Every structure is written in C-alpha cells, then in structure tokens.
Amino acid sequence: MASSAKTILIVEDNALNMRLFNDVLQASGYQTLQTGDGNEAVALAVEHRPDLILMDMRLPGISGLEATQLIKAHENLRDV
C-alpha cells in the first residue's frame, strides 16, 4: 500500500541543520528526501516530485537559487 504522507525534499549542506529539519519533519509525519548538493536536488526533484522543497541558498557547486530555477524549468515541477 502506498503511503499518503507528503514528501519534502530538504536541500541543506550543514549536517546539523539537515538533522534538525529531518527530525522535526519526520516527527510531524512527513517523508523526507535529503541532499546537500544543488545538482542532486534537481535530480531528486525530477525523480520523486516532492510536495515541498526546503532549499538552502548557499550550496557548494550550483547555488540554491540556480537549483530552484532549474527545478522550476521542468513542466511537471512548476507548482512545487
């Protein structure tokens, strides 16, 4: 049976912040996907189509703003 829990993609390169976000969201009944990399965030968003994305703006590689723009460029992700 498929889970009805909403999925949140957490994009955060600080391990302590990631753990805090993840623990609070999972304790509230959400499923989470996690990455600290903007390029991987785009790939995860395309693959899993999360209900919400929490995006850090300062990431190694491409910035959170660039990753958000790439995600929003996908027709199926524009409303995320």
N, C-alpha and C. Protein backbone atom coordinates (compact mmCIF):
# COMPACT_ATOMS: atom_id res chain seq x y z
N MET A 1 0.84 -1.18 0.00
CA MET A 1 0.00 0.00 0.00
C MET A 1 0.89 1.24 0.00
N ALA A 2 0.58 2.22 -0.82
CA ALA A 2 1.36 3.45 -0.92
C ALA A 2 1.08 4.35 0.28
N SER A 3 2.09 5.05 0.72
CA SER A 3 1.94 5.96 1.85
C SER A 3 1.28 7.26 1.38
N SER A 4 0.45 7.83 2.24
CA SER A 4 -0.21 9.10 1.90
C SER A 4 0.54 10.29 2.47
N ALA A 5 1.67 10.04 3.13
CA ALA A 5 2.45 11.14 3.71
C ALA A 5 3.03 12.02 2.62
N LYS A 6 3.00 13.31 2.85
CA LYS A 6 3.61 14.26 1.93
C LYS A 6 5.12 14.11 2.00
N THR A 7 5.79 14.36 0.87
CA THR A 7 7.24 14.24 0.80
C THR A 7 7.86 15.62 0.68
N ILE A 8 8.89 15.86 1.50
CA ILE A 8 9.61 17.13 1.48
C ILE A 8 11.07 16.85 1.15
N LEU A 9 11.57 17.55 0.15
CA LEU A 9 12.99 17.48 -0.22
C LEU A 9 13.72 18.56 0.56
N ILE A 10 14.67 18.13 1.38
CA ILE A 10 15.49 19.06 2.17
C ILE A 10 16.83 19.19 1.47
N VAL A 11 17.18 20.43 1.11
CA VAL A 11 18.47 20.69 0.47
C VAL A 11 19.24 21.60 1.41
N GLU A 12 20.22 21.02 2.10
CA GLU A 12 20.96 21.72 3.15
C GLU A 12 22.33 21.10 3.28
N ASP A 13 23.38 21.92 3.20
CA ASP A 13 24.74 21.38 3.28
C ASP A 13 25.31 21.38 4.69
N ASN A 14 24.61 21.92 5.67
CA ASN A 14 25.05 21.90 7.05
C ASN A 14 24.42 20.68 7.73
N ALA A 15 25.25 19.75 8.20
CA ALA A 15 24.77 18.48 8.74
C ALA A 15 23.84 18.67 9.95
N LEU A 16 24.15 19.61 10.82
CA LEU A 16 23.31 19.83 11.99
C LEU A 16 21.94 20.37 11.59
N ASN A 17 21.91 21.32 10.67
CA ASN A 17 20.63 21.84 10.19
C ASN A 17 19.83 20.75 9.49
N MET A 18 20.51 19.93 8.69
CA MET A 18 19.84 18.84 7.99
C MET A 18 19.18 17.90 8.99
N ARG A 19 19.91 17.54 10.01
CA ARG A 19 19.36 16.61 11.02
C ARG A 19 18.16 17.23 11.73
N LEU A 20 18.26 18.51 12.08
CA LEU A 20 17.15 19.19 12.75
C LEU A 20 15.91 19.21 11.86
N PHE A 21 16.06 19.67 10.61
CA PHE A 21 14.93 19.72 9.68
C PHE A 21 14.32 18.33 9.51
N ASN A 22 15.18 17.35 9.27
CA ASN A 22 14.72 15.99 9.02
C ASN A 22 13.96 15.44 10.23
N ASP A 23 14.52 15.58 11.41
CA ASP A 23 13.89 15.03 12.62
C ASP A 23 12.53 15.69 12.89
N VAL A 24 12.46 17.01 12.76
CA VAL A 24 11.20 17.72 13.01
C VAL A 24 10.15 17.31 11.98
N LEU A 25 10.54 17.25 10.72
CA LEU A 25 9.57 16.91 9.67
C LEU A 25 9.09 15.47 9.77
N GLN A 26 10.00 14.54 10.03
CA GLN A 26 9.59 13.15 10.16
C GLN A 26 8.72 12.95 11.39
N ALA A 27 9.04 13.63 12.49
CA ALA A 27 8.22 13.54 13.69
C ALA A 27 6.82 14.10 13.45
N SER A 28 6.69 14.97 12.46
CA SER A 28 5.39 15.55 12.11
C SER A 28 4.66 14.74 11.05
N GLY A 29 5.23 13.61 10.66
CA GLY A 29 4.55 12.71 9.74
C GLY A 29 4.91 12.84 8.27
N TYR A 30 5.91 13.64 7.96
CA TYR A 30 6.33 13.81 6.57
C TYR A 30 7.42 12.81 6.21
N GLN A 31 7.46 12.42 4.94
CA GLN A 31 8.58 11.67 4.40
C GLN A 31 9.59 12.70 3.92
N THR A 32 10.86 12.39 4.02
CA THR A 32 11.87 13.34 3.57
C THR A 32 12.85 12.69 2.60
N LEU A 33 13.34 13.54 1.72
CA LEU A 33 14.48 13.24 0.86
C LEU A 33 15.53 14.27 1.26
N GLN A 34 16.80 13.90 1.20
CA GLN A 34 17.84 14.80 1.67
C GLN A 34 19.02 14.86 0.72
N THR A 35 19.55 16.07 0.56
CA THR A 35 20.79 16.25 -0.16
C THR A 35 21.43 17.57 0.27
N GLY A 36 22.72 17.66 0.11
CA GLY A 36 23.43 18.90 0.37
C GLY A 36 24.00 19.50 -0.91
N ASP A 37 23.53 19.02 -2.06
CA ASP A 37 24.08 19.40 -3.34
C ASP A 37 22.96 19.89 -4.27
N GLY A 38 23.15 21.04 -4.88
CA GLY A 38 22.15 21.62 -5.76
C GLY A 38 21.84 20.78 -6.98
N ASN A 39 22.87 20.21 -7.61
CA ASN A 39 22.64 19.37 -8.79
C ASN A 39 21.85 18.11 -8.42
N GLU A 40 22.19 17.52 -7.28
CA GLU A 40 21.47 16.34 -6.84
C GLU A 40 20.03 16.71 -6.46
N ALA A 41 19.83 17.91 -5.94
CA ALA A 41 18.47 18.37 -5.61
C ALA A 41 17.60 18.39 -6.86
N VAL A 42 18.14 18.86 -7.95
CA VAL A 42 17.39 18.89 -9.21
C VAL A 42 17.03 17.47 -9.62
N ALA A 43 18.00 16.58 -9.57
CA ALA A 43 17.76 15.18 -9.97
C ALA A 43 16.72 14.52 -9.07
N LEU A 44 16.81 14.74 -7.76
CA LEU A 44 15.84 14.16 -6.84
C LEU A 44 14.44 14.72 -7.06
N ALA A 45 14.36 16.02 -7.33
CA ALA A 45 13.06 16.64 -7.58
C ALA A 45 12.41 16.05 -8.83
N VAL A 46 13.20 15.88 -9.88
CA VAL A 46 12.67 15.31 -11.13
C VAL A 46 12.22 13.87 -10.90
N GLU A 47 13.02 13.10 -10.17
CA GLU A 47 12.73 11.68 -9.96
C GLU A 47 11.53 11.46 -9.02
N HIS A 48 11.45 12.24 -7.94
CA HIS A 48 10.47 11.97 -6.89
C HIS A 48 9.29 12.94 -6.83
N ARG A 49 9.38 14.08 -7.49
CA ARG A 49 8.36 15.13 -7.46
C ARG A 49 7.82 15.37 -6.06
N PRO A 50 8.65 15.95 -5.18
CA PRO A 50 8.21 16.18 -3.80
C PRO A 50 7.08 17.21 -3.73
N ASP A 51 6.39 17.20 -2.61
CA ASP A 51 5.31 18.16 -2.39
C ASP A 51 5.84 19.55 -2.02
N LEU A 52 7.02 19.56 -1.42
CA LEU A 52 7.64 20.81 -0.97
C LEU A 52 9.16 20.64 -1.01
N ILE A 53 9.86 21.73 -1.28
CA ILE A 53 11.33 21.72 -1.25
C ILE A 53 11.80 22.82 -0.31
N LEU A 54 12.61 22.44 0.68
CA LEU A 54 13.27 23.41 1.55
C LEU A 54 14.68 23.57 1.01
N MET A 55 14.97 24.73 0.43
CA MET A 55 16.21 24.93 -0.31
C MET A 55 17.12 25.93 0.39
N ASP A 56 18.33 25.48 0.73
CA ASP A 56 19.39 26.37 1.21
C ASP A 56 19.87 27.18 0.01
N MET A 57 20.13 28.44 0.18
CA MET A 57 20.54 29.27 -0.96
C MET A 57 22.04 29.17 -1.23
N ARG A 58 22.84 28.94 -0.20
CA ARG A 58 24.29 28.85 -0.39
C ARG A 58 24.72 27.40 -0.30
N LEU A 59 24.98 26.84 -1.46
CA LEU A 59 25.38 25.44 -1.57
C LEU A 59 26.68 25.34 -2.35
N PRO A 60 27.43 24.26 -2.13
CA PRO A 60 28.60 24.04 -2.99
C PRO A 60 28.14 23.69 -4.40
N GLY A 61 28.93 24.03 -5.39
CA GLY A 61 28.53 23.77 -6.77
C GLY A 61 27.56 24.85 -7.22
N ILE A 62 26.38 24.45 -7.62
CA ILE A 62 25.40 25.46 -8.03
C ILE A 62 24.64 25.95 -6.79
N SER A 63 24.24 27.19 -6.81
CA SER A 63 23.54 27.78 -5.66
C SER A 63 22.11 27.24 -5.58
N GLY A 64 21.49 27.46 -4.44
CA GLY A 64 20.09 27.09 -4.27
C GLY A 64 19.19 27.83 -5.23
N LEU A 65 19.54 29.07 -5.52
CA LEU A 65 18.74 29.84 -6.48
C LEU A 65 18.82 29.22 -7.87
N GLU A 66 20.02 28.84 -8.29
CA GLU A 66 20.19 28.19 -9.59
C GLU A 66 19.44 26.85 -9.64
N ALA A 67 19.55 26.09 -8.56
CA ALA A 67 18.85 24.79 -8.50
C ALA A 67 17.35 25.00 -8.58
N THR A 68 16.83 26.00 -7.88
CA THR A 68 15.40 26.30 -7.92
C THR A 68 14.96 26.68 -9.32
N GLN A 69 15.76 27.49 -10.01
CA GLN A 69 15.43 27.87 -11.38
C GLN A 69 15.39 26.65 -12.30
N LEU A 70 16.33 25.73 -12.13
CA LEU A 70 16.35 24.51 -12.94
C LEU A 70 15.14 23.63 -12.63
N ILE A 71 14.78 23.54 -11.37
CA ILE A 71 13.60 22.75 -10.99
C ILE A 71 12.34 23.37 -11.58
N LYS A 72 12.20 24.68 -11.46
CA LYS A 72 11.00 25.37 -11.97
C LYS A 72 10.91 25.32 -13.49
N ALA A 73 12.03 25.05 -14.16
CA ALA A 73 12.02 24.94 -15.62
C ALA A 73 11.35 23.65 -16.09
N HIS A 74 11.22 22.66 -15.20
CA HIS A 74 10.57 21.41 -15.55
C HIS A 74 9.06 21.58 -15.45
N GLU A 75 8.37 21.26 -16.53
CA GLU A 75 6.92 21.46 -16.59
C GLU A 75 6.18 20.78 -15.44
N ASN A 76 6.59 19.58 -15.06
CA ASN A 76 5.92 18.83 -14.01
C ASN A 76 6.26 19.32 -12.60
N LEU A 77 7.20 20.24 -12.48
CA LEU A 77 7.64 20.70 -11.16
C LEU A 77 7.32 22.16 -10.90
N ARG A 78 6.69 22.84 -11.84
CA ARG A 78 6.46 24.27 -11.70
C ARG A 78 5.61 24.64 -10.49
N ASP A 79 4.73 23.73 -10.08
CA ASP A 79 3.86 24.04 -8.96
C ASP A 79 4.39 23.57 -7.60
N VAL A 80 5.59 22.99 -7.59
CA VAL A 80 6.19 22.56 -6.33
C VAL A 80 6.69 23.78 -5.59
